């Protein structure tokens, strides 16, 4: 018999994606990705972490997610 989980990571991911779709509704995908990139890089925790990770990658992605 399965126990009910208090936390479901798949459900959490779906909810996060739903919120992003709502937040960027009506915005072209390329522009939305650019906005998300800028928002991530401006974050005081994620920005420095991502910059450090990307500095170790030999071929980092373009800032707007396109080659």
N, C-alpha and C. Protein backbone atom coordinates (compact mmCIF):
# COMPACT_ATOMS: atom_id res chain seq x y z
N UNK A 1 0.84 -1.18 0.00
CA UNK A 1 0.00 0.00 0.00
C UNK A 1 0.89 1.25 0.00
N UNK A 2 0.57 2.19 -0.89
CA UNK A 2 1.35 3.44 -0.97
C UNK A 2 0.91 4.42 0.11
N UNK A 3 1.90 5.09 0.66
CA UNK A 3 1.60 6.15 1.62
C UNK A 3 1.47 7.47 0.86
N UNK A 4 0.64 8.35 1.36
CA UNK A 4 0.51 9.68 0.75
C UNK A 4 1.75 10.48 1.09
N UNK A 5 2.34 11.07 0.04
CA UNK A 5 3.54 11.88 0.24
C UNK A 5 3.15 13.30 0.64
N UNK A 6 3.92 13.87 1.55
CA UNK A 6 3.70 15.26 1.95
C UNK A 6 4.26 16.20 0.89
N UNK A 7 5.27 15.74 0.15
CA UNK A 7 5.93 16.58 -0.83
C UNK A 7 6.06 15.81 -2.13
N UNK A 8 5.64 16.41 -3.23
CA UNK A 8 5.72 15.78 -4.54
C UNK A 8 6.51 16.72 -5.45
N UNK A 9 7.75 16.33 -5.78
CA UNK A 9 8.61 17.23 -6.56
C UNK A 9 8.07 17.43 -7.98
N UNK A 10 7.41 16.42 -8.56
CA UNK A 10 6.85 16.57 -9.90
C UNK A 10 5.71 17.59 -9.88
N UNK A 11 4.87 17.51 -8.87
CA UNK A 11 3.79 18.47 -8.73
C UNK A 11 4.34 19.88 -8.54
N UNK A 12 5.41 20.01 -7.75
CA UNK A 12 6.02 21.31 -7.52
C UNK A 12 6.57 21.88 -8.83
N UNK A 13 7.20 21.03 -9.66
CA UNK A 13 7.75 21.46 -10.94
C UNK A 13 6.62 21.92 -11.87
N UNK A 14 5.54 21.17 -11.94
CA UNK A 14 4.40 21.55 -12.78
C UNK A 14 3.83 22.91 -12.34
N UNK A 15 3.73 23.11 -11.04
CA UNK A 15 3.21 24.37 -10.52
C UNK A 15 4.13 25.53 -10.87
N UNK A 16 5.43 25.32 -10.76
CA UNK A 16 6.39 26.37 -11.12
C UNK A 16 6.29 26.70 -12.60
N UNK A 17 6.16 25.70 -13.45
CA UNK A 17 6.03 25.93 -14.88
C UNK A 17 4.72 26.67 -15.20
N UNK A 18 3.66 26.31 -14.51
CA UNK A 18 2.37 26.98 -14.73
C UNK A 18 2.48 28.47 -14.40
N UNK A 19 3.15 28.76 -13.29
CA UNK A 19 3.32 30.16 -12.88
C UNK A 19 4.16 30.93 -13.89
N UNK A 20 5.21 30.29 -14.43
CA UNK A 20 6.03 30.95 -15.43
C UNK A 20 5.23 31.21 -16.71
N UNK A 21 4.42 30.24 -17.13
CA UNK A 21 3.59 30.43 -18.33
C UNK A 21 2.64 31.61 -18.14
N UNK A 22 2.07 31.72 -16.95
CA UNK A 22 1.17 32.84 -16.66
C UNK A 22 1.95 34.16 -16.66
N UNK A 23 3.10 34.17 -16.04
CA UNK A 23 3.90 35.39 -15.91
C UNK A 23 4.35 35.91 -17.27
N UNK A 24 4.67 35.01 -18.19
CA UNK A 24 5.19 35.41 -19.49
C UNK A 24 4.17 35.21 -20.62
N UNK A 25 2.91 35.11 -20.28
CA UNK A 25 1.87 34.93 -21.28
C UNK A 25 1.85 36.13 -22.23
N UNK A 26 1.77 35.85 -23.52
CA UNK A 26 1.70 36.91 -24.51
C UNK A 26 3.04 37.49 -24.92
N UNK A 27 4.11 37.04 -24.28
CA UNK A 27 5.45 37.53 -24.61
C UNK A 27 6.10 36.49 -25.51
N UNK A 28 6.70 36.91 -26.62
CA UNK A 28 7.37 35.94 -27.49
C UNK A 28 8.40 35.12 -26.71
N UNK A 29 8.56 33.86 -27.08
CA UNK A 29 9.41 32.94 -26.32
C UNK A 29 10.84 33.46 -26.18
N UNK A 30 11.41 33.99 -27.26
CA UNK A 30 12.78 34.48 -27.20
C UNK A 30 12.92 35.62 -26.19
N UNK A 31 11.95 36.52 -26.19
CA UNK A 31 11.96 37.65 -25.24
C UNK A 31 11.77 37.14 -23.81
N UNK A 32 10.88 36.17 -23.63
CA UNK A 32 10.64 35.61 -22.29
C UNK A 32 11.91 34.96 -21.76
N UNK A 33 12.61 34.22 -22.62
CA UNK A 33 13.86 33.57 -22.18
C UNK A 33 14.92 34.61 -21.82
N UNK A 34 14.99 35.68 -22.60
CA UNK A 34 15.94 36.75 -22.30
C UNK A 34 15.62 37.36 -20.93
N UNK A 35 14.35 37.61 -20.68
CA UNK A 35 13.92 38.19 -19.41
C UNK A 35 14.24 37.25 -18.24
N UNK A 36 14.01 35.95 -18.45
CA UNK A 36 14.30 34.97 -17.42
C UNK A 36 15.80 34.92 -17.13
N UNK A 37 16.61 34.99 -18.19
CA UNK A 37 18.07 34.97 -18.02
C UNK A 37 18.52 36.18 -17.19
N UNK A 38 18.02 37.35 -17.57
CA UNK A 38 18.41 38.57 -16.85
C UNK A 38 17.97 38.52 -15.40
N UNK A 39 16.78 38.00 -15.17
CA UNK A 39 16.27 37.89 -13.80
C UNK A 39 17.13 36.93 -12.98
N UNK A 40 17.52 35.82 -13.60
CA UNK A 40 18.36 34.84 -12.90
C UNK A 40 19.73 35.43 -12.58
N UNK A 41 20.34 36.10 -13.55
CA UNK A 41 21.67 36.67 -13.34
C UNK A 41 21.65 37.80 -12.31
N UNK A 42 20.51 38.48 -12.16
CA UNK A 42 20.40 39.56 -11.18
C UNK A 42 20.11 39.04 -9.77
N UNK A 43 19.74 37.78 -9.65
CA UNK A 43 19.43 37.19 -8.35
C UNK A 43 20.71 37.12 -7.51
N UNK A 44 20.66 37.54 -6.24
CA UNK A 44 21.88 37.58 -5.43
C UNK A 44 22.48 36.21 -5.12
N UNK A 45 21.71 35.15 -5.24
CA UNK A 45 22.22 33.80 -5.00
C UNK A 45 22.47 33.07 -6.32
N UNK A 46 21.46 33.05 -7.18
CA UNK A 46 21.59 32.30 -8.43
C UNK A 46 22.58 32.93 -9.41
N UNK A 47 22.63 34.27 -9.46
CA UNK A 47 23.52 34.94 -10.39
C UNK A 47 24.98 34.56 -10.20
N UNK A 48 25.54 34.75 -9.01
CA UNK A 48 26.94 34.37 -8.80
C UNK A 48 27.19 32.87 -8.99
N UNK A 49 26.23 32.06 -8.58
CA UNK A 49 26.37 30.61 -8.75
C UNK A 49 26.44 30.25 -10.23
N UNK A 50 25.51 30.80 -11.02
CA UNK A 50 25.48 30.52 -12.45
C UNK A 50 26.74 31.06 -13.14
N UNK A 51 27.18 32.24 -12.76
CA UNK A 51 28.40 32.81 -13.34
C UNK A 51 29.60 31.90 -13.05
N UNK A 52 29.68 31.36 -11.85
CA UNK A 52 30.79 30.48 -11.49
C UNK A 52 30.73 29.19 -12.30
N UNK A 53 29.53 28.62 -12.42
CA UNK A 53 29.37 27.39 -13.20
C UNK A 53 29.74 27.63 -14.66
N UNK A 54 29.24 28.73 -15.22
CA UNK A 54 29.50 29.02 -16.62
C UNK A 54 30.96 29.32 -16.88
N UNK A 55 31.67 29.84 -15.90
CA UNK A 55 33.09 30.12 -16.09
C UNK A 55 33.90 28.84 -16.23
N UNK A 56 33.35 27.74 -15.78
CA UNK A 56 34.04 26.45 -15.86
C UNK A 56 33.63 25.65 -17.09
N UNK A 57 32.63 26.13 -17.82
CA UNK A 57 32.14 25.43 -19.01
C UNK A 57 32.92 25.94 -20.22
N UNK A 58 33.35 25.01 -21.07
CA UNK A 58 34.16 25.40 -22.21
C UNK A 58 33.36 26.15 -23.28
N UNK A 59 32.08 25.88 -23.42
CA UNK A 59 31.26 26.53 -24.43
C UNK A 59 29.95 26.97 -23.78
N UNK A 60 29.96 28.05 -22.97
CA UNK A 60 28.76 28.47 -22.25
C UNK A 60 27.67 28.94 -23.20
N UNK A 61 26.41 28.82 -22.79
CA UNK A 61 25.31 29.27 -23.64
C UNK A 61 25.30 30.79 -23.78
N UNK A 62 24.69 31.25 -24.85
CA UNK A 62 24.53 32.69 -25.05
C UNK A 62 23.59 33.22 -23.97
N UNK A 63 23.70 34.49 -23.58
CA UNK A 63 22.87 35.05 -22.52
C UNK A 63 21.37 34.90 -22.73
N UNK A 64 20.92 34.86 -23.96
CA UNK A 64 19.48 34.76 -24.20
C UNK A 64 19.08 33.34 -24.55
N UNK A 65 19.98 32.36 -24.39
CA UNK A 65 19.65 30.97 -24.61
C UNK A 65 19.74 30.51 -26.04
N UNK A 66 20.29 31.34 -26.92
CA UNK A 66 20.41 30.98 -28.34
C UNK A 66 21.88 31.03 -28.73
N UNK A 67 22.29 30.14 -29.63
CA UNK A 67 23.70 30.11 -30.06
C UNK A 67 24.14 31.36 -30.78
